[in-house]
Amino acid sequence: MAACPEMTALAGLVRSFAAMLTPADGNAERLTAWISQARTEDLPHLHAFTRGLELDRDAVNAALTCAYHNGGTEGVNTKTKLIKRQMYGRAGFALLRHRILLG
């Protein structure tokens, strides 16, 4: 990786961003520092990512600092939609309900 400074910088930035994905109180400040550091590098795609983070900064801060999330609910919704797609045109609501409750 020493032969490509861009890849070295990108790998370091990705690792430091991944470390923030575990919710903690100081992550909002760490994100600000991370964005500043990412913008100093010559990585245009990463600059686009940082602009996206800044567009909805309140939501990003909440995701990085709050321990509560709706991941379980989203998982159930995804599973229900998968079962519904698998059964499309084959059976009625009673069988769909039965498969959801048993699955």
Protein backbone atom coordinates (compact mmCIF):
# COMPACT_ATOMS: atom_id res chain seq x y z
CA MET A 1 0.00 0.00 0.00
CA ALA A 2 3.00 2.30 0.35
CA ALA A 3 3.14 2.55 -3.44
CA CYS A 4 -0.27 4.23 -3.55
CA PRO A 5 -0.67 7.07 -1.05
CA GLU A 6 -4.33 7.58 -2.00
CA MET A 7 -5.19 3.99 -1.06
CA THR A 8 -3.23 4.28 2.18
CA ALA A 9 -5.12 7.46 3.08
CA LEU A 10 -8.46 5.92 2.09
CA ALA A 11 -7.83 2.79 4.16
CA GLY A 12 -6.99 4.89 7.22
CA LEU A 13 -10.08 7.05 6.78
CA VAL A 14 -12.35 4.04 6.32
CA ARG A 15 -10.94 2.42 9.47
CA SER A 16 -11.41 5.57 11.53
CA PHE A 17 -14.97 6.02 10.21
CA ALA A 18 -15.79 2.38 10.99
CA ALA A 19 -14.64 2.94 14.57
CA MET A 20 -17.35 5.60 14.94
CA LEU A 21 -20.14 3.20 13.92
CA THR A 22 -20.44 1.94 17.48
CA PRO A 23 -22.64 4.59 19.15
CA ALA A 24 -20.81 6.68 21.75
CA ASP A 25 -21.22 10.16 23.22
CA GLY A 26 -18.17 11.79 21.58
CA ASN A 27 -18.81 10.53 18.06
CA ALA A 28 -20.37 13.79 16.83
CA GLU A 29 -17.12 15.65 17.54
CA ARG A 30 -15.08 12.77 16.10
CA LEU A 31 -17.17 12.96 12.94
CA THR A 32 -16.43 16.67 12.57
CA ALA A 33 -12.70 15.97 12.84
CA TRP A 34 -13.03 13.02 10.44
CA ILE A 35 -14.81 15.14 7.84
CA SER A 36 -12.10 17.79 8.07
CA GLN A 37 -9.41 15.17 7.66
CA ALA A 38 -11.22 13.52 4.73
CA ARG A 39 -11.54 16.84 2.93
CA THR A 40 -7.79 17.45 3.11
CA GLU A 41 -7.14 14.29 1.06
CA ASP A 42 -7.33 14.20 -2.74
CA LEU A 43 -10.20 11.70 -2.85
CA PRO A 44 -13.19 13.13 -4.82
CA HIS A 45 -15.57 10.25 -4.02
CA LEU A 46 -14.87 10.67 -0.33
CA HIS A 47 -15.56 14.39 -0.66
CA ALA A 48 -18.97 13.53 -2.13
CA PHE A 49 -19.60 11.20 0.83
CA THR A 50 -18.72 13.95 3.32
CA ARG A 51 -21.08 16.37 1.54
CA GLY A 52 -23.84 13.79 1.91
CA LEU A 53 -23.09 13.46 5.63
CA GLU A 54 -23.28 17.22 6.03
CA LEU A 55 -26.65 17.43 4.24
CA ASP A 56 -28.38 15.52 7.04
CA ARG A 57 -25.97 16.07 9.89
CA ASP A 58 -28.61 15.81 12.64
CA ALA A 59 -29.61 12.31 11.52
CA VAL A 60 -25.97 11.23 11.19
CA ASN A 61 -25.16 12.54 14.67
CA ALA A 62 -28.16 10.69 16.08
CA ALA A 63 -27.08 7.45 14.39
CA LEU A 64 -23.53 7.75 15.74
CA THR A 65 -24.45 8.75 19.29
CA CYS A 66 -27.76 7.06 20.19
CA ALA A 67 -27.72 3.46 21.31
CA TYR A 68 -31.34 2.95 20.24
CA HIS A 69 -32.35 2.14 16.67
CA ASN A 70 -35.13 0.50 14.69
CA GLY A 71 -33.01 -2.26 13.15
CA GLY A 72 -35.17 -5.05 14.56
CA THR A 73 -38.32 -3.54 13.13
CA GLU A 74 -36.71 -3.06 9.73
CA GLY A 75 -35.56 -6.68 9.77
CA VAL A 76 -39.10 -7.93 10.40
CA ASN A 77 -40.42 -5.69 7.61
CA THR A 78 -37.82 -7.01 5.18
CA LYS A 79 -38.59 -10.63 6.07
CA THR A 80 -42.34 -10.05 5.68
CA LYS A 81 -41.84 -8.48 2.25
CA LEU A 82 -39.64 -11.38 1.18
CA ILE A 83 -42.29 -13.93 2.17
CA LYS A 84 -44.95 -11.87 0.40
CA ARG A 85 -42.89 -11.76 -2.81
CA GLN A 86 -42.25 -15.50 -2.66
CA MET A 87 -45.98 -16.21 -2.35
CA TYR A 88 -47.20 -13.71 -4.95
CA GLY A 89 -50.08 -15.21 -6.94
CA ARG A 90 -49.94 -18.59 -5.20
CA ALA A 91 -52.07 -18.34 -2.09
CA GLY A 92 -54.30 -16.05 -0.12
CA PHE A 93 -53.84 -13.92 2.95
CA ALA A 94 -54.51 -16.82 5.37
CA LEU A 95 -51.43 -18.74 4.19
CA LEU A 96 -49.32 -15.57 4.15
CA ARG A 97 -50.33 -14.86 7.75
CA HIS A 98 -49.56 -18.45 8.72
CA ARG A 99 -46.07 -18.32 7.15
CA ILE A 100 -45.26 -14.99 8.82
CA LEU A 101 -46.37 -16.19 12.24
CA LEU A 102 -44.48 -19.48 11.95
CA GLY A 103 -41.34 -17.98 10.38
